[in-house]
C-alpha atoms as a PDB file:
ATOM      1  CA  MET A   1     -15.235  34.826  20.451  1.00  0.00           C
ATOM      2  CA  ARG A   2     -14.701  34.518  16.690  1.00  0.00           C
ATOM      3  CA  VAL A   3     -12.837  31.692  15.030  1.00  0.00           C
ATOM      4  CA  ALA A   4     -11.390  32.179  11.561  1.00  0.00           C
ATOM      5  CA  SER A   5     -12.807  29.824   8.991  1.00  0.00           C
ATOM      6  CA  GLY A   6     -10.365  27.459   7.307  1.00  0.00           C
ATOM      7  CA  GLY A   7     -12.277  27.166   4.057  1.00  0.00           C
ATOM      8  CA  GLY A   8     -10.320  27.972   0.885  1.00  0.00           C
ATOM      9  CA  THR A   9      -7.417  29.812   2.480  1.00  0.00           C
ATOM     10  CA  ALA A  10      -4.747  27.097   2.295  1.00  0.00           C
ATOM     11  CA  VAL A  11      -1.502  28.267   0.741  1.00  0.00           C
ATOM     12  CA  GLN A  12       1.186  25.883  -0.462  1.00  0.00           C
ATOM     13  CA  ASP A  13       4.826  26.858  -0.672  1.00  0.00           C
ATOM     14  CA  HIS A  14       6.007  24.712  -3.577  1.00  0.00           C
ATOM     15  CA  VAL A  15       9.692  25.465  -2.937  1.00  0.00           C
ATOM     16  CA  ALA A  16       9.391  24.404   0.704  1.00  0.00           C
ATOM     17  CA  LEU A  17       7.540  21.233  -0.284  1.00  0.00           C
ATOM     18  CA  ALA A  18      10.270  20.372  -2.821  1.00  0.00           C
ATOM     19  CA  GLU A  19      12.976  20.936  -0.181  1.00  0.00           C
ATOM     20  CA  ILE A  20      11.142  18.679   2.268  1.00  0.00           C
ATOM     21  CA  GLU A  21      10.892  15.971  -0.385  1.00  0.00           C
ATOM     22  CA  LEU A  22      14.635  16.210  -1.134  1.00  0.00           C
ATOM     23  CA  CYS A  23      15.474  16.016   2.571  1.00  0.00           C
ATOM     24  CA  GLY A  24      13.328  12.906   2.824  1.00  0.00           C
ATOM     25  CA  GLU A  25      15.167  11.340  -0.110  1.00  0.00           C
ATOM     26  CA  LEU A  26      18.496  12.059   1.607  1.00  0.00           C
ATOM     27  CA  MET A  27      17.281  10.548   4.887  1.00  0.00           C
ATOM     28  CA  ILE A  28      16.135   7.394   3.108  1.00  0.00           C
ATOM     29  CA  ALA A  29      19.484   7.105   1.299  1.00  0.00           C
ATOM     30  CA  ALA A  30      21.424   7.698   4.518  1.00  0.00           C
ATOM     31  CA  SER A  31      19.460   5.091   6.426  1.00  0.00           C
ATOM     32  CA  ALA A  32      20.143   2.481   3.739  1.00  0.00           C
ATOM     33  CA  ALA A  33      23.834   3.344   3.267  1.00  0.00           C
ATOM     34  CA  ASP A  34      26.804   1.483   4.624  1.00  0.00           C
ATOM     35  CA  GLY A  35      29.257   3.586   6.603  1.00  0.00           C
ATOM     36  CA  GLU A  36      28.964   6.907   8.364  1.00  0.00           C
ATOM     37  CA  ARG A  37      28.779   9.351   5.466  1.00  0.00           C
ATOM     38  CA  LEU A  38      27.388   9.573   1.984  1.00  0.00           C
ATOM     39  CA  SER A  39      29.832  10.518  -0.753  1.00  0.00           C
ATOM     40  CA  LEU A  40      29.224  13.785  -2.560  1.00  0.00           C
ATOM     41  CA  ASP A  41      28.700  11.867  -5.800  1.00  0.00           C
ATOM     42  CA  PHE A  42      26.041   9.691  -4.159  1.00  0.00           C
ATOM     43  CA  ILE A  43      24.294  12.746  -2.697  1.00  0.00           C
ATOM     44  CA  ASP A  44      24.241  14.311  -6.168  1.00  0.00           C
ATOM     45  CA  GLU A  45      22.767  11.088  -7.544  1.00  0.00           C
ATOM     46  CA  VAL A  46      20.040  11.003  -4.873  1.00  0.00           C
ATOM     47  CA  LEU A  47      19.191  14.666  -5.464  1.00  0.00           C
ATOM     48  CA  ARG A  48      19.355  14.205  -9.248  1.00  0.00           C
ATOM     49  CA  VAL A  49      22.022  16.886  -9.656  1.00  0.00           C
ATOM     50  CA  VAL A  50      23.411  17.254 -13.155  1.00  0.00           C
ATOM     51  CA  ARG A  51      26.772  18.892 -13.612  1.00  0.00           C
ATOM     52  CA  VAL A  52      27.066  21.171 -16.611  1.00  0.00           C
ATOM     53  CA  VAL A  53      30.512  21.679 -18.048  1.00  0.00           C
ATOM     54  CA  GLU A  54      30.956  24.845 -20.041  1.00  0.00           C
ATOM     55  CA  GLN A  55      32.968  24.322 -23.190  1.00  0.00           C
ATOM     56  CA  ARG A  56      34.964  27.226 -24.456  1.00  0.00           C
ATOM     57  CA  ASP A  57      35.526  27.660 -28.133  1.00  0.00           C
ATOM     58  CA  GLY A  58      39.092  28.915 -27.791  1.00  0.00           C
ATOM     59  CA  GLY A  59      38.167  32.498 -28.550  1.00  0.00           C
ATOM     60  CA  ALA A  60      36.421  31.843 -31.853  1.00  0.00           C
ATOM     61  CA  GLY A  61      33.853  34.439 -32.756  1.00  0.00           C
ATOM     62  CA  ARG A  62      35.478  37.297 -30.882  1.00  0.00           C
END
């Protein structure tokens, strides 16, 4: 019987690790919050979401 060696073959999925970290942050915030639900604004704050508002120039430069 052969067993595969574990040396040097570890692969990290950085996107998955980031998602797990964000989920953990949400769970911590939810456990410390008063009430049943977190507001959308508070969730954005916990996840460090920044809203970008596009400003239109009123058609200048067309």
